[in-house]
Amino acid sequence: ADEAISYAIHMTGLAVETQAKKNASGRPGPNVVTGNLRRSITTSTPKKGFAGYSVDVSATMVYARAVELGHPRWKPGVKYPYLGPAANKLQANGTLSRVFTTALASRMRG
């Protein structure tokens, strides 16, 4: 069961990663000049902690946080969120639940 849950959590992280990369592919998201931000979005290996399993989906580019949340040197209100909206969209439309249950069921069956 532990391995199946870990796999299912990892698959949900990959679903968020995929949507975040789509969101970081031009307007209304950030402009794409080199594609470095999009390529830097990755999903970590699932970790088992005190409260259960977790997986991190994040971008490693230095400017990734500024693009997501805005930067003090930019005009007020200028930001291009791509990661937060990815998770929110997939959770709202039920995709995360479907991905999790499908992945879990596939591993539990063998």
Protein backbone atom coordinates (compact mmCIF):
# COMPACT_ATOMS: atom_id res chain seq x y z
CA ALA A 1 0.00 0.00 0.00
CA ASP A 2 2.86 2.41 0.80
CA GLU A 3 4.40 1.98 -2.64
CA ALA A 4 1.01 2.41 -4.33
CA ILE A 5 0.25 5.63 -2.42
CA SER A 6 3.72 7.00 -3.16
CA TYR A 7 3.20 6.28 -6.85
CA ALA A 8 -0.24 7.92 -6.86
CA ILE A 9 1.09 11.04 -5.12
CA HIS A 10 3.93 11.23 -7.66
CA MET A 11 1.47 10.96 -10.56
CA THR A 12 -0.63 13.83 -9.19
CA GLY A 13 2.54 15.91 -8.93
CA LEU A 14 3.34 15.14 -12.55
CA ALA A 15 -0.16 16.24 -13.56
CA VAL A 16 0.37 19.61 -11.83
CA GLU A 17 3.83 19.89 -13.46
CA THR A 18 2.33 19.31 -16.92
CA GLN A 19 -0.38 21.94 -16.41
CA ALA A 20 2.13 24.44 -14.96
CA LYS A 21 4.33 24.02 -18.04
CA LYS A 22 1.29 24.73 -20.25
CA ASN A 23 0.54 27.82 -18.15
CA ALA A 24 4.15 29.03 -18.50
CA SER A 25 3.99 28.84 -22.28
CA GLY A 26 2.95 32.37 -23.21
CA ARG A 27 0.05 34.71 -22.70
CA PRO A 28 -1.87 35.02 -20.48
CA GLY A 29 1.13 33.59 -18.63
CA PRO A 30 4.75 34.70 -18.89
CA ASN A 31 6.28 35.38 -22.29
CA VAL A 32 8.54 32.62 -23.52
CA VAL A 33 11.94 33.78 -24.71
CA THR A 34 14.22 30.83 -23.95
CA GLY A 35 11.88 28.27 -22.34
CA ASN A 36 14.19 28.00 -19.32
CA LEU A 37 11.43 28.70 -16.80
CA ARG A 38 9.16 26.06 -18.33
CA ARG A 39 11.96 23.47 -18.45
CA SER A 40 12.89 24.17 -14.82
CA ILE A 41 9.48 23.09 -13.50
CA THR A 42 9.97 19.66 -11.95
CA THR A 43 8.32 17.20 -9.58
CA SER A 44 10.29 15.76 -6.67
CA THR A 45 10.31 12.18 -5.49
CA PRO A 46 7.47 11.61 -2.98
CA LYS A 47 8.46 11.89 0.67
CA LYS A 48 6.75 10.16 3.57
CA GLY A 49 6.38 12.45 6.55
CA PHE A 50 4.54 12.66 9.84
CA ALA A 51 1.21 13.61 8.25
CA GLY A 52 1.50 11.41 5.18
CA TYR A 53 3.08 11.71 1.75
CA SER A 54 4.07 14.87 -0.08
CA VAL A 55 5.58 15.83 -3.39
CA ASP A 56 7.03 19.21 -4.41
CA VAL A 57 6.33 20.75 -7.79
CA SER A 58 8.53 23.79 -8.28
CA ALA A 59 10.60 25.80 -10.71
CA THR A 60 14.33 26.12 -10.15
CA MET A 61 15.01 29.29 -12.14
CA VAL A 62 16.13 32.20 -9.97
CA TYR A 63 13.35 34.45 -11.31
CA ALA A 64 10.55 31.84 -11.03
CA ARG A 65 9.15 33.30 -7.79
CA ALA A 66 9.13 36.82 -9.23
CA VAL A 67 7.19 35.66 -12.29
CA GLU A 68 4.65 33.80 -10.13
CA LEU A 69 4.13 36.44 -7.43
CA GLY A 70 5.40 39.70 -8.95
CA HIS A 71 8.53 41.70 -8.19
CA PRO A 72 8.90 44.96 -6.20
CA ARG A 73 10.72 46.62 -9.12
CA TRP A 74 7.90 45.82 -11.54
CA LYS A 75 4.76 47.90 -11.93
CA PRO A 76 2.25 47.16 -9.15
CA GLY A 77 0.07 44.17 -9.94
CA VAL A 78 2.34 42.79 -12.68
CA LYS A 79 2.70 39.04 -12.20
CA TYR A 80 2.20 35.95 -14.30
CA PRO A 81 1.16 33.06 -12.06
CA TYR A 82 1.58 29.65 -13.64
CA LEU A 83 2.11 27.16 -10.80
CA GLY A 84 -0.67 28.09 -8.36
CA PRO A 85 -3.34 28.24 -11.06
CA ALA A 86 -2.23 24.83 -12.36
CA ALA A 87 -2.91 23.13 -9.04
CA ASN A 88 -6.15 25.07 -8.52
CA LYS A 89 -7.49 24.21 -11.97
CA LEU A 90 -6.74 20.49 -11.68
CA GLN A 91 -8.23 20.31 -8.20
CA ALA A 92 -11.37 22.24 -9.19
CA ASN A 93 -12.15 20.12 -12.24
CA GLY A 94 -11.50 16.83 -10.43
CA THR A 95 -8.43 15.83 -12.44
CA LEU A 96 -6.21 15.39 -9.37
CA SER A 97 -8.71 13.02 -7.76
CA ARG A 98 -9.02 10.99 -10.97
CA VAL A 99 -5.26 10.79 -11.47
CA PHE A 100 -4.73 9.74 -7.85
CA THR A 101 -7.43 7.06 -7.79
CA THR A 102 -6.45 5.67 -11.20
CA ALA A 103 -2.77 5.45 -10.26
CA LEU A 104 -3.56 3.96 -6.86
CA ALA A 105 -5.89 1.35 -8.36
CA SER A 106 -3.34 0.37 -11.02
CA ARG A 107 -0.67 -0.30 -8.37
CA MET A 108 -2.98 -2.06 -5.95
CA ARG A 109 -4.01 -4.54 -8.65
CA GLY A 110 -0.42 -5.43 -9.28
